[in-house]
PDB file of N, CA and C in Angstrom:
ATOM      1  N   MET A   1      92.095  86.244  82.832  1.00  0.00           N
ATOM      2  CA  MET A   1      93.103  87.302  82.602  1.00  0.00           C
ATOM      3  C   MET A   1      94.075  87.222  83.693  1.00  0.00           C
ATOM      4  N   THR A   2      95.464  87.378  83.357  1.00  0.00           N
ATOM      5  CA  THR A   2      96.603  87.162  84.533  1.00  0.00           C
ATOM      6  C   THR A   2      96.525  88.279  85.436  1.00  0.00           C
ATOM      7  N   GLU A   3      96.624  87.910  86.693  1.00  0.00           N
ATOM      8  CA  GLU A   3      96.770  89.020  87.771  1.00  0.00           C
ATOM      9  C   GLU A   3      98.127  89.718  87.531  1.00  0.00           C
ATOM     10  N   LEU A   4      97.857  91.135  87.533  1.00  0.00           N
ATOM     11  CA  LEU A   4      99.332  92.144  87.328  1.00  0.00           C
ATOM     12  C   LEU A   4     100.030  91.980  88.582  1.00  0.00           C
ATOM     13  N   TYR A   5     101.215  92.316  88.513  1.00  0.00           N
ATOM     14  CA  TYR A   5     102.235  92.143  89.770  1.00  0.00           C
ATOM     15  C   TYR A   5     102.862  93.738  89.589  1.00  0.00           C
ATOM     16  N   LYS A   6     103.269  94.187  90.675  1.00  0.00           N
ATOM     17  CA  LYS A   6     104.044  95.330  90.711  1.00  0.00           C
ATOM     18  C   LYS A   6     104.754  95.711  91.946  1.00  0.00           C
ATOM     19  N   GLN A   7     105.720  96.665  91.931  1.00  0.00           N
ATOM     20  CA  GLN A   7     106.164  96.964  93.421  1.00  0.00           C
ATOM     21  C   GLN A   7     105.952  98.546  93.420  1.00  0.00           C
ATOM     22  N   VAL A   8     105.834  98.817  94.646  1.00  0.00           N
ATOM     23  CA  VAL A   8     105.599 100.395  94.903  1.00  0.00           C
ATOM     24  C   VAL A   8     106.610 100.884  95.782  1.00  0.00           C
ATOM     25  N   ILE A   9     107.285 101.879  95.655  1.00  0.00           N
ATOM     26  CA  ILE A   9     107.998 102.437  96.689  1.00  0.00           C
ATOM     27  C   ILE A   9     107.288 103.876  97.156  1.00  0.00           C
ATOM     28  N   VAL A  10     107.598 103.831  98.261  1.00  0.00           N
ATOM     29  CA  VAL A  10     106.828 105.154  99.155  1.00  0.00           C
ATOM     30  C   VAL A  10     107.983 106.022  99.952  1.00  0.00           C
ATOM     31  N   VAL A  11     108.009 107.274  99.416  1.00  0.00           N
ATOM     32  CA  VAL A  11     108.983 108.382  99.860  1.00  0.00           C
ATOM     33  C   VAL A  11     108.582 109.247 100.879  1.00  0.00           C
ATOM     34  N   ARG A  12     109.298 109.559 101.969  1.00  0.00           N
ATOM     35  CA  ARG A  12     109.157 110.618 102.781  1.00  0.00           C
ATOM     36  C   ARG A  12     109.346 111.960 102.179  1.00  0.00           C
ATOM     37  N   LEU A  13     108.426 112.773 102.180  1.00  0.00           N
ATOM     38  CA  LEU A  13     108.673 114.219 101.549  1.00  0.00           C
ATOM     39  C   LEU A  13     109.346 115.296 102.430  1.00  0.00           C
ATOM     40  N   ASP A  14     108.884 115.001 104.021  1.00  0.00           N
ATOM     41  CA  ASP A  14     109.514 116.149 105.068  1.00  0.00           C
ATOM     42  C   ASP A  14     111.118 115.918 105.147  1.00  0.00           C
ATOM     43  N   LEU A  15     111.734 115.180 104.586  1.00  0.00           N
ATOM     44  CA  LEU A  15     113.140 114.943 104.627  1.00  0.00           C
ATOM     45  C   LEU A  15     113.968 116.013 103.534  1.00  0.00           C
ATOM     46  N   ASN A  16     113.146 116.398 102.573  1.00  0.00           N
ATOM     47  CA  ASN A  16     113.805 117.189 101.570  1.00  0.00           C
ATOM     48  C   ASN A  16     115.205 116.733 100.977  1.00  0.00           C
ATOM     49  N   MET A  17     115.075 115.489 100.697  1.00  0.00           N
ATOM     50  CA  MET A  17     116.515 114.812 100.150  1.00  0.00           C
ATOM     51  C   MET A  17     116.788 115.184  98.856  1.00  0.00           C
ATOM     52  N   SER A  18     118.104 115.405  98.653  1.00  0.00           N
ATOM     53  CA  SER A  18     118.596 115.951  97.208  1.00  0.00           C
ATOM     54  C   SER A  18     118.006 114.851  96.083  1.00  0.00           C
ATOM     55  N   ASN A  19     117.967 115.368  94.823  1.00  0.00           N
ATOM     56  CA  ASN A  19     117.412 114.170  93.813  1.00  0.00           C
ATOM     57  C   ASN A  19     118.399 113.028  93.957  1.00  0.00           C
ATOM     58  N   GLY A  20     119.778 113.072  94.020  1.00  0.00           N
ATOM     59  CA  GLY A  20     120.476 111.973  94.208  1.00  0.00           C
ATOM     60  C   GLY A  20     120.477 111.131  95.149  1.00  0.00           C
ATOM     61  N   LYS A  21     120.199 111.590  96.495  1.00  0.00           N
ATOM     62  CA  LYS A  21     120.059 110.774  97.534  1.00  0.00           C
ATOM     63  C   LYS A  21     118.799 110.197  97.319  1.00  0.00           C
ATOM     64  N   LEU A  22     117.685 110.877  97.129  1.00  0.00           N
ATOM     65  CA  LEU A  22     116.354 110.417  96.727  1.00  0.00           C
ATOM     66  C   LEU A  22     116.395 109.139  95.936  1.00  0.00           C
ATOM     67  N   ALA A  23     117.066 109.205  94.686  1.00  0.00           N
ATOM     68  CA  ALA A  23     117.416 108.122  93.860  1.00  0.00           C
ATOM     69  C   ALA A  23     117.920 106.938  94.578  1.00  0.00           C
ATOM     70  N   ALA A  24     118.913 107.136  95.315  1.00  0.00           N
ATOM     71  CA  ALA A  24     119.609 106.103  95.837  1.00  0.00           C
ATOM     72  C   ALA A  24     118.712 105.614  96.831  1.00  0.00           C
ATOM     73  N   GLN A  25     118.131 106.014  97.531  1.00  0.00           N
ATOM     74  CA  GLN A  25     117.007 105.552  98.706  1.00  0.00           C
ATOM     75  C   GLN A  25     116.015 104.653  98.030  1.00  0.00           C
ATOM     76  N   VAL A  26     115.612 105.194  96.736  1.00  0.00           N
ATOM     77  CA  VAL A  26     114.445 104.199  96.040  1.00  0.00           C
ATOM     78  C   VAL A  26     115.217 103.039  95.584  1.00  0.00           C
ATOM     79  N   ALA A  27     116.295 103.362  95.026  1.00  0.00           N
ATOM     80  CA  ALA A  27     117.046 101.850  94.390  1.00  0.00           C
ATOM     81  C   ALA A  27     117.270 100.986  95.617  1.00  0.00           C
ATOM     82  N   HIS A  28     117.858 101.409  96.665  1.00  0.00           N
ATOM     83  CA  HIS A  28     118.108 100.366  97.753  1.00  0.00           C
ATOM     84  C   HIS A  28     116.569  99.739  98.041  1.00  0.00           C
ATOM     85  N   ALA A  29     115.428 100.656  98.196  1.00  0.00           N
ATOM     86  CA  ALA A  29     114.495  99.911  98.800  1.00  0.00           C
ATOM     87  C   ALA A  29     113.880  99.010  97.695  1.00  0.00           C
ATOM     88  N   ALA A  30     113.924  99.186  96.253  1.00  0.00           N
ATOM     89  CA  ALA A  30     113.465  98.305  95.323  1.00  0.00           C
ATOM     90  C   ALA A  30     114.289  97.239  95.240  1.00  0.00           C
ATOM     91  N   THR A  31     115.640  97.303  95.381  1.00  0.00           N
ATOM     92  CA  THR A  31     116.367  96.249  95.570  1.00  0.00           C
ATOM     93  C   THR A  31     116.373  95.143  96.720  1.00  0.00           C
ATOM     94  N   SER A  32     116.041  95.900  97.409  1.00  0.00           N
ATOM     95  CA  SER A  32     116.038  95.088  99.114  1.00  0.00           C
ATOM     96  C   SER A  32     114.754  94.385  98.947  1.00  0.00           C
ATOM     97  N   ALA A  33     113.504  94.818  98.677  1.00  0.00           N
ATOM     98  CA  ALA A  33     112.335  94.166  98.365  1.00  0.00           C
ATOM     99  C   ALA A  33     112.476  93.049  97.606  1.00  0.00           C
ATOM    100  N   ALA A  34     112.809  93.383  96.239  1.00  0.00           N
ATOM    101  CA  ALA A  34     113.057  92.233  95.318  1.00  0.00           C
ATOM    102  C   ALA A  34     113.894  91.170  95.611  1.00  0.00           C
ATOM    103  N   LEU A  35     115.136  91.495  96.365  1.00  0.00           N
ATOM    104  CA  LEU A  35     115.517  90.313  96.837  1.00  0.00           C
ATOM    105  C   LEU A  35     114.974  89.636  97.811  1.00  0.00           C
ATOM    106  N   SER A  36     113.962  90.015  98.778  1.00  0.00           N
ATOM    107  CA  SER A  36     113.577  89.228  99.911  1.00  0.00           C
ATOM    108  C   SER A  36     112.154  88.659  99.308  1.00  0.00           C
ATOM    109  N   ALA A  37     111.858  88.878  98.045  1.00  0.00           N
ATOM    110  CA  ALA A  37     110.373  88.269  97.497  1.00  0.00           C
ATOM    111  C   ALA A  37     110.498  86.957  97.285  1.00  0.00           C
ATOM    112  N   HIS A  38     109.226  86.386  97.189  1.00  0.00           N
ATOM    113  CA  HIS A  38     109.163  84.967  97.044  1.00  0.00           C
ATOM    114  C   HIS A  38     109.349  84.610  95.436  1.00  0.00           C
ATOM    115  N   GLU A  39     109.899  83.613  94.826  1.00  0.00           N
ATOM    116  CA  GLU A  39     110.346  83.198  93.710  1.00  0.00           C
ATOM    117  C   GLU A  39     109.101  83.307  92.784  1.00  0.00           C
ATOM    118  N   TYR A  40     107.942  82.926  93.265  1.00  0.00           N
ATOM    119  CA  TYR A  40     106.640  82.970  92.363  1.00  0.00           C
ATOM    120  C   TYR A  40     106.311  84.481  92.320  1.00  0.00           C
ATOM    121  N   ASP A  41     106.235  85.406  93.355  1.00  0.00           N
ATOM    122  CA  ASP A  41     105.873  86.544  92.937  1.00  0.00           C
ATOM    123  C   ASP A  41     106.956  87.407  92.017  1.00  0.00           C
ATOM    124  N   ILE A  42     108.262  87.133  92.133  1.00  0.00           N
ATOM    125  CA  ILE A  42     109.148  87.420  91.239  1.00  0.00           C
ATOM    126  C   ILE A  42     108.963  87.213  89.645  1.00  0.00           C
ATOM    127  N   ALA A  43     108.732  85.971  89.489  1.00  0.00           N
ATOM    128  CA  ALA A  43     108.464  85.399  88.249  1.00  0.00           C
ATOM    129  C   ALA A  43     107.337  86.140  87.595  1.00  0.00           C
ATOM    130  N   ARG A  44     106.149  86.465  88.098  1.00  0.00           N
ATOM    131  CA  ARG A  44     104.813  87.073  87.685  1.00  0.00           C
ATOM    132  C   ARG A  44     105.489  88.561  87.662  1.00  0.00           C
ATOM    133  N   TRP A  45     106.239  89.243  88.589  1.00  0.00           N
ATOM    134  CA  TRP A  45     106.467  90.531  88.375  1.00  0.00           C
ATOM    135  C   TRP A  45     107.377  90.637  86.982  1.00  0.00           C
ATOM    136  N   ARG A  46     108.305  89.921  86.872  1.00  0.00           N
ATOM    137  CA  ARG A  46     109.134  89.891  85.951  1.00  0.00           C
ATOM    138  C   ARG A  46     108.532  89.862  84.348  1.00  0.00           C
ATOM    139  N   GLY A  47     107.334  88.783  84.617  1.00  0.00           N
ATOM    140  CA  GLY A  47     106.590  88.691  83.270  1.00  0.00           C
ATOM    141  C   GLY A  47     105.683  89.782  82.867  1.00  0.00           C
ATOM    142  N   ASN A  48     105.452  90.728  84.049  1.00  0.00           N
ATOM    143  CA  ASN A  48     104.616  91.981  83.861  1.00  0.00           C
ATOM    144  C   ASN A  48     105.406  93.056  83.373  1.00  0.00           C
ATOM    145  N   GLY A  49     106.680  92.846  83.284  1.00  0.00           N
ATOM    146  CA  GLY A  49     107.597  94.155  82.983  1.00  0.00           C
ATOM    147  C   GLY A  49     108.203  94.888  83.984  1.00  0.00           C
ATOM    148  N   MET A  50     108.264  94.260  85.221  1.00  0.00           N
ATOM    149  CA  MET A  50     108.744  94.642  86.504  1.00  0.00           C
ATOM    150  C   MET A  50     108.235  95.979  86.732  1.00  0.00           C
ATOM    151  N   ALA A  51     107.180  96.158  86.712  1.00  0.00           N
ATOM    152  CA  ALA A  51     106.494  97.536  87.169  1.00  0.00           C
ATOM    153  C   ALA A  51     107.045  98.257  88.281  1.00  0.00           C
ATOM    154  N   LYS A  52     107.077  99.533  88.412  1.00  0.00           N
ATOM    155  CA  LYS A  52     107.522 100.143  89.851  1.00  0.00           C
ATOM    156  C   LYS A  52     107.074 101.551  89.826  1.00  0.00           C
ATOM    157  N   ILE A  53     106.229 101.752  90.976  1.00  0.00           N
ATOM    158  CA  ILE A  53     105.505 103.080  90.970  1.00  0.00           C
ATOM    159  C   ILE A  53     106.259 103.832  92.305  1.00  0.00           C
ATOM    160  N   VAL A  54     106.590 104.987  92.174  1.00  0.00           N
ATOM    161  CA  VAL A  54     107.084 105.792  93.172  1.00  0.00           C
ATOM    162  C   VAL A  54     106.009 106.800  93.903  1.00  0.00           C
ATOM    163  N   LEU A  55     105.770 106.676  94.995  1.00  0.00           N
ATOM    164  CA  LEU A  55     104.521 107.304  95.607  1.00  0.00           C
ATOM    165  C   LEU A  55     105.128 108.148  96.913  1.00  0.00           C
ATOM    166  N   SER A  56     104.356 109.344  97.387  1.00  0.00           N
ATOM    167  CA  SER A  56     104.851 109.938  98.666  1.00  0.00           C
ATOM    168  C   SER A  56     103.781 109.758  99.655  1.00  0.00           C
ATOM    169  N   VAL A  57     104.498 110.081 100.741  1.00  0.00           N
ATOM    170  CA  VAL A  57     103.740 110.482 102.079  1.00  0.00           C
ATOM    171  C   VAL A  57     104.397 111.620 102.867  1.00  0.00           C
ATOM    172  N   PRO A  58     103.902 112.557 103.625  1.00  0.00           N
ATOM    173  CA  PRO A  58     104.370 113.562 104.058  1.00  0.00           C
ATOM    174  C   PRO A  58     105.487 113.447 105.156  1.00  0.00           C
ATOM    175  N   ASP A  59     105.525 112.241 105.965  1.00  0.00           N
ATOM    176  CA  ASP A  59     106.176 112.203 107.055  1.00  0.00           C
ATOM    177  C   ASP A  59     106.467 110.657 107.425  1.00  0.00           C
ATOM    178  N   ILE A  60     106.994 110.383 108.541  1.00  0.00           N
ATOM    179  CA  ILE A  60     107.436 108.953 109.089  1.00  0.00           C
ATOM    180  C   ILE A  60     106.138 108.415 109.420  1.00  0.00           C
ATOM    181  N   PHE A  61     105.026 109.267 109.846  1.00  0.00           N
ATOM    182  CA  PHE A  61     103.878 108.491 110.207  1.00  0.00           C
ATOM    183  C   PHE A  61     103.159 107.902 109.013  1.00  0.00           C
ATOM    184  N   GLY A  62     103.324 108.642 107.914  1.00  0.00           N
ATOM    185  CA  GLY A  62     102.845 107.944 106.534  1.00  0.00           C
ATOM    186  C   GLY A  62     103.510 106.677 106.280  1.00  0.00           C
ATOM    187  N   LEU A  63     104.930 106.707 106.530  1.00  0.00           N
ATOM    188  CA  LEU A  63     105.556 105.336 106.072  1.00  0.00           C
ATOM    189  C   LEU A  63     105.271 104.387 107.234  1.00  0.00           C
ATOM    190  N   ALA A  64     105.027 104.584 108.424  1.00  0.00           N
ATOM    191  CA  ALA A  64     104.419 103.583 109.298  1.00  0.00           C
ATOM    192  C   ALA A  64     103.208 103.104 109.127  1.00  0.00           C
ATOM    193  N   LEU A  65     102.346 103.671 108.557  1.00  0.00           N
ATOM    194  CA  LEU A  65     101.017 103.315 108.252  1.00  0.00           C
ATOM    195  C   LEU A  65     100.976 102.395 107.087  1.00  0.00           C
ATOM    196  N   VAL A  66     101.932 102.536 105.885  1.00  0.00           N
ATOM    197  CA  VAL A  66     102.147 101.798 104.723  1.00  0.00           C
ATOM    198  C   VAL A  66     102.709 100.413 105.510  1.00  0.00           C
ATOM    199  N   GLN A  67     103.790 100.526 106.311  1.00  0.00           N
ATOM    200  CA  GLN A  67     104.312  99.111 106.854  1.00  0.00           C
ATOM    201  C   GLN A  67     103.295  98.464 107.514  1.00  0.00           C
ATOM    202  N   SER A  68     102.443  99.249 108.449  1.00  0.00           N
ATOM    203  CA  SER A  68     101.436  98.389 109.129  1.00  0.00           C
ATOM    204  C   SER A  68     100.405  97.842 108.211  1.00  0.00           C
ATOM    205  N   ASN A  69      99.909  98.445 107.202  1.00  0.00           N
ATOM    206  CA  ASN A  69      98.805  97.874 106.512  1.00  0.00           C
ATOM    207  C   ASN A  69      99.529  96.802 105.434  1.00  0.00           C
ATOM    208  N   ALA A  70     100.912  96.948 105.135  1.00  0.00           N
ATOM    209  CA  ALA A  70     101.319  95.924 104.139  1.00  0.00           C
ATOM    210  C   ALA A  70     101.402  94.753 104.885  1.00  0.00           C
ATOM    211  N   THR A  71     101.898  94.728 106.187  1.00  0.00           N
ATOM    212  CA  THR A  71     101.991  93.597 107.094  1.00  0.00           C
ATOM    213  C   THR A  71     100.783  92.922 107.313  1.00  0.00           C
ATOM    214  N   ARG A  72      99.731  93.793 107.324  1.00  0.00           N
ATOM    215  CA  ARG A  72      98.338  93.337 107.669  1.00  0.00           C
ATOM    216  C   ARG A  72      98.172  92.463 106.279  1.00  0.00           C
ATOM    217  N   TYR A  73      98.301  92.529 105.375  1.00  0.00           N
ATOM    218  CA  TYR A  73      97.892  92.150 103.877  1.00  0.00           C
ATOM    219  C   TYR A  73      99.113  90.861 103.614  1.00  0.00           C
ATOM    220  N   ASP A  74     100.146  90.628 104.504  1.00  0.00           N
ATOM    221  CA  ASP A  74     101.298  89.647 104.439  1.00  0.00           C
ATOM    222  C   ASP A  74     102.078  90.081 102.946  1.00  0.00           C
ATOM    223  N   LEU A  75     102.126  91.494 102.808  1.00  0.00           N
ATOM    224  CA  LEU A  75     103.063  91.710 101.581  1.00  0.00           C
ATOM    225  C   LEU A  75     104.567  91.836 101.760  1.00  0.00           C
ATOM    226  N   ASN A  76     105.140  91.497 100.872  1.00  0.00           N
ATOM    227  CA  ASN A  76     106.563  91.733 100.788  1.00  0.00           C
ATOM    228  C   ASN A  76     106.878  93.297 101.003  1.00  0.00           C
ATOM    229  N   MET A  77     108.001  93.565 101.884  1.00  0.00           N
ATOM    230  CA  MET A  77     108.402  94.999 101.886  1.00  0.00           C
ATOM    231  C   MET A  77     109.820  95.044 102.235  1.00  0.00           C
ATOM    232  N   ALA A  78     110.319  96.396 102.053  1.00  0.00           N
ATOM    233  CA  ALA A  78     111.573  96.607 102.652  1.00  0.00           C
ATOM    234  C   ALA A  78     111.696  97.930 103.097  1.00  0.00           C
ATOM    235  N   ALA A  79     111.816  98.375 104.517  1.00  0.00           N
ATOM    236  CA  ALA A  79     111.950  99.512 104.882  1.00  0.00           C
ATOM    237  C   ALA A  79     113.507 100.023 105.074  1.00  0.00           C
ATOM    238  N   ILE A  80     113.656 100.995 104.544  1.00  0.00           N
ATOM    239  CA  ILE A  80     115.223 101.709 104.536  1.00  0.00           C
ATOM    240  C   ILE A  80     115.567 102.763 105.360  1.00  0.00           C
ATOM    241  N   ARG A  81     116.509 102.497 106.038  1.00  0.00           N
ATOM    242  CA  ARG A  81     116.926 103.406 107.178  1.00  0.00           C
ATOM    243  C   ARG A  81     118.557 104.033 106.698  1.00  0.00           C
ATOM    244  N   ASP A  82     118.833 105.127 106.395  1.00  0.00           N
ATOM    245  CA  ASP A  82     119.801 105.792 106.257  1.00  0.00           C
ATOM    246  C   ASP A  82     121.118 105.586 106.838  1.00  0.00           C
ATOM    247  N   ALA A  83     122.159 105.165 106.381  1.00  0.00           N
ATOM    248  CA  ALA A  83     123.383 104.928 107.088  1.00  0.00           C
ATOM    249  C   ALA A  83     123.880 106.301 107.611  1.00  0.00           C
ATOM    250  N   GLY A  84     123.566 107.529 107.099  1.00  0.00           N
ATOM    251  CA  GLY A  84     123.864 108.480 108.060  1.00  0.00           C
ATOM    252  C   GLY A  84     125.531 109.071 107.275  1.00  0.00           C
ATOM    253  N   ARG A  85     125.744 108.825 106.178  1.00  0.00           N
ATOM    254  CA  ARG A  85     127.022 109.175 105.769  1.00  0.00           C
ATOM    255  C   ARG A  85     127.099 110.570 104.863  1.00  0.00           C
ATOM    256  N   THR A  86     125.919 110.837 104.559  1.00  0.00           N
ATOM    257  CA  THR A  86     125.886 112.005 103.758  1.00  0.00           C
ATOM    258  C   THR A  86     124.810 113.171 104.324  1.00  0.00           C
ATOM    259  N   GLU A  87     123.581 113.080 103.992  1.00  0.00           N
ATOM    260  CA  GLU A  87     122.734 114.323 104.161  1.00  0.00           C
ATOM    261  C   GLU A  87     121.724 113.884 105.290  1.00  0.00           C
ATOM    262  N   LEU A  88     121.580 112.854 105.856  1.00  0.00           N
ATOM    263  CA  LEU A  88     120.765 112.419 106.708  1.00  0.00           C
ATOM    264  C   LEU A  88     121.325 111.845 108.075  1.00  0.00           C
ATOM    265  N   ALA A  89     120.621 112.041 109.362  1.00  0.00           N
ATOM    266  CA  ALA A  89     121.141 111.151 110.497  1.00  0.00           C
ATOM    267  C   ALA A  89     121.139 109.782 110.426  1.00  0.00           C
ATOM    268  N   PRO A  90     121.984 109.020 111.149  1.00  0.00           N
ATOM    269  CA  PRO A  90     122.157 107.626 110.879  1.00  0.00           C
ATOM    270  C   PRO A  90     120.605 107.076 111.549  1.00  0.00           C
ATOM    271  N   GLU A  91     120.317 106.041 110.714  1.00  0.00           N
ATOM    272  CA  GLU A  91     118.947 105.326 111.070  1.00  0.00           C
ATOM    273  C   GLU A  91     117.801 106.043 110.743  1.00  0.00           C
ATOM    274  N   THR A  92     117.692 107.400 110.016  1.00  0.00           N
ATOM    275  CA  THR A  92     116.605 107.975 109.548  1.00  0.00           C
ATOM    276  C   THR A  92     116.014 107.186 108.371  1.00  0.00           C
ATOM    277  N   TRP A  93     114.649 106.848 108.655  1.00  0.00           N
ATOM    278  CA  TRP A  93     113.675 106.274 107.933  1.00  0.00           C
ATOM    279  C   TRP A  93     113.136 106.914 106.492  1.00  0.00           C
ATOM    280  N   THR A  94     113.767 106.617 105.430  1.00  0.00           N
ATOM    281  CA  THR A  94     113.483 107.245 104.265  1.00  0.00           C
ATOM    282  C   THR A  94     112.430 106.692 103.306  1.00  0.00           C
ATOM    283  N   VAL A  95     112.382 105.351 103.089  1.00  0.00           N
ATOM    284  CA  VAL A  95     111.546 105.070 102.188  1.00  0.00           C
ATOM    285  C   VAL A  95     110.848 103.519 102.644  1.00  0.00           C
ATOM    286  N   ILE A  96     110.061 102.935 102.055  1.00  0.00           N
ATOM    287  CA  ILE A  96     109.706 101.692 102.151  1.00  0.00           C
ATOM    288  C   ILE A  96     109.128 101.270 100.797  1.00  0.00           C
ATOM    289  N   ALA A  97     109.618 100.037 100.379  1.00  0.00           N
ATOM    290  CA  ALA A  97     109.007  99.403  99.183  1.00  0.00           C
ATOM    291  C   ALA A  97     107.968  98.034  99.565  1.00  0.00           C
ATOM    292  N   VAL A  98     107.237  98.057  98.718  1.00  0.00           N
ATOM    293  CA  VAL A  98     105.992  97.138  98.962  1.00  0.00           C
ATOM    294  C   VAL A  98     106.104  96.249  97.796  1.00  0.00           C
ATOM    295  N   GLY A  99     106.070  95.216  97.683  1.00  0.00           N
ATOM    296  CA  GLY A  99     106.100  94.244  96.626  1.00  0.00           C
ATOM    297  C   GLY A  99     107.463  93.761  96.078  1.00  0.00           C
ATOM    298  N   PRO A 100     107.809  92.952  95.142  1.00  0.00           N
ATOM    299  CA  PRO A 100     106.600  92.694  94.260  1.00  0.00           C
ATOM    300  C   PRO A 100     105.458  91.628  94.832  1.00  0.00           C
ATOM    301  N   ASN A 101     104.241  92.252  94.520  1.00  0.00           N
ATOM    302  CA  ASN A 101     103.240  91.236  95.010  1.00  0.00           C
ATOM    303  C   ASN A 101     102.015  91.655  93.746  1.00  0.00           C
ATOM    304  N   GLN A 102     101.153  91.148  94.135  1.00  0.00           N
ATOM    305  CA  GLN A 102      99.811  91.353  93.153  1.00  0.00           C
ATOM    306  C   GLN A 102      99.444  92.881  93.422  1.00  0.00           C
ATOM    307  N   ALA A 103      99.048  93.342  92.260  1.00  0.00           N
ATOM    308  CA  ALA A 103      98.873  94.820  92.119  1.00  0.00           C
ATOM    309  C   ALA A 103      97.715  95.109  93.082  1.00  0.00           C
ATOM    310  N   SER A 104      96.561  94.187  92.856  1.00  0.00           N
ATOM    311  CA  SER A 104      95.551  94.602  93.620  1.00  0.00           C
ATOM    312  C   SER A 104      95.671  94.440  94.983  1.00  0.00           C
ATOM    313  N   LEU A 105      96.492  93.726  95.729  1.00  0.00           N
ATOM    314  CA  LEU A 105      96.840  93.654  96.946  1.00  0.00           C
ATOM    315  C   LEU A 105      97.351  95.091  97.349  1.00  0.00           C
ATOM    316  N   ILE A 106      98.480  95.367  96.605  1.00  0.00           N
ATOM    317  CA  ILE A 106      99.385  96.543  96.903  1.00  0.00           C
ATOM    318  C   ILE A 106      98.369  97.663  96.978  1.00  0.00           C
ATOM    319  N   ASP A 107      97.563  97.750  95.922  1.00  0.00           N
ATOM    320  CA  ASP A 107      96.575  99.082  95.899  1.00  0.00           C
ATOM    321  C   ASP A 107      95.716  99.093  97.240  1.00  0.00           C
ATOM    322  N   ARG A 108      95.488  98.145  97.880  1.00  0.00           N
ATOM    323  CA  ARG A 108      94.735  98.220  99.169  1.00  0.00           C
ATOM    324  C   ARG A 108      95.663  98.841 100.102  1.00  0.00           C
ATOM    325  N   VAL A 109      97.031  99.013 100.244  1.00  0.00           N
ATOM    326  CA  VAL A 109      97.935  99.745 101.108  1.00  0.00           C
ATOM    327  C   VAL A 109      98.356 100.904 100.498  1.00  0.00           C
ATOM    328  N   THR A 110      98.440 101.053  99.262  1.00  0.00           N
ATOM    329  CA  THR A 110      99.026 102.348  98.610  1.00  0.00           C
ATOM    330  C   THR A 110      98.135 103.173  97.769  1.00  0.00           C
ATOM    331  N   GLY A 111      96.880 102.538  97.151  1.00  0.00           N
ATOM    332  CA  GLY A 111      96.241 103.123  96.474  1.00  0.00           C
ATOM    333  C   GLY A 111      95.665 104.495  96.427  1.00  0.00           C
ATOM    334  N   SER A 112      95.612 105.191  97.839  1.00  0.00           N
ATOM    335  CA  SER A 112      95.337 106.449  97.959  1.00  0.00           C
ATOM    336  C   SER A 112      96.518 107.539  97.911  1.00  0.00           C
ATOM    337  N   LEU A 113      97.619 106.985  97.908  1.00  0.00           N
ATOM    338  CA  LEU A 113      98.901 107.838  97.974  1.00  0.00           C
ATOM    339  C   LEU A 113      99.038 108.522  96.436  1.00  0.00           C
ATOM    340  N   PRO A 114      99.621 109.694  96.733  1.00  0.00           N
ATOM    341  CA  PRO A 114      99.832 110.529  95.264  1.00  0.00           C
ATOM    342  C   PRO A 114     101.127 109.989  94.776  1.00  0.00           C
ATOM    343  N   LEU A 115     101.495 110.155  93.624  1.00  0.00           N
ATOM    344  CA  LEU A 115     102.770 109.818  93.089  1.00  0.00           C
ATOM    345  C   LEU A 115     103.610 110.996  93.371  1.00  0.00           C
ATOM    346  N   LEU A 116     104.644 110.607  93.445  1.00  0.00           N
ATOM    347  CA  LEU A 116     106.268 111.409  93.803  1.00  0.00           C
ATOM    348  C   LEU A 116     106.305 112.487  92.476  1.00  0.00           C
ATOM    349  N   ARG A 117     106.170 113.597  92.970  1.00  0.00           N
ATOM    350  CA  ARG A 117     106.460 114.947  91.849  1.00  0.00           C
ATOM    351  C   ARG A 117     107.592 115.400  92.064  1.00  0.00           C
ATOM    352  N   GLY A 118     108.423 115.768  90.950  1.00  0.00           N
ATOM    353  CA  GLY A 118     109.630 116.210  90.960  1.00  0.00           C
ATOM    354  C   GLY A 118     109.664 117.788  91.107  1.00  0.00           C
TER     355      GLY A 118
END
């Protein structure tokens, strides 16, 4: 059986971003991570339907832990810091995207995090 590939985007809940702002930050992260991924991983991810899952952490410390663990497993990622033009102060770290990579590796980093609830 072929290994599944996915991308996970993790959002900070403590920022209380509007729905539009949140959607834009998730899109930035997903796009940035995909553009920096290896061709091999992108090809397999596309073949699996380009799965994306959005999860949440309570605060910046949760994002830092995801980043640290993703680095430990050598996973592709993109950390997004806001430009500060609308709701947030400049350089506010809002989201991190992990992958596309093998789902089993990403699950080691994000498997215990809850889905983002609207």
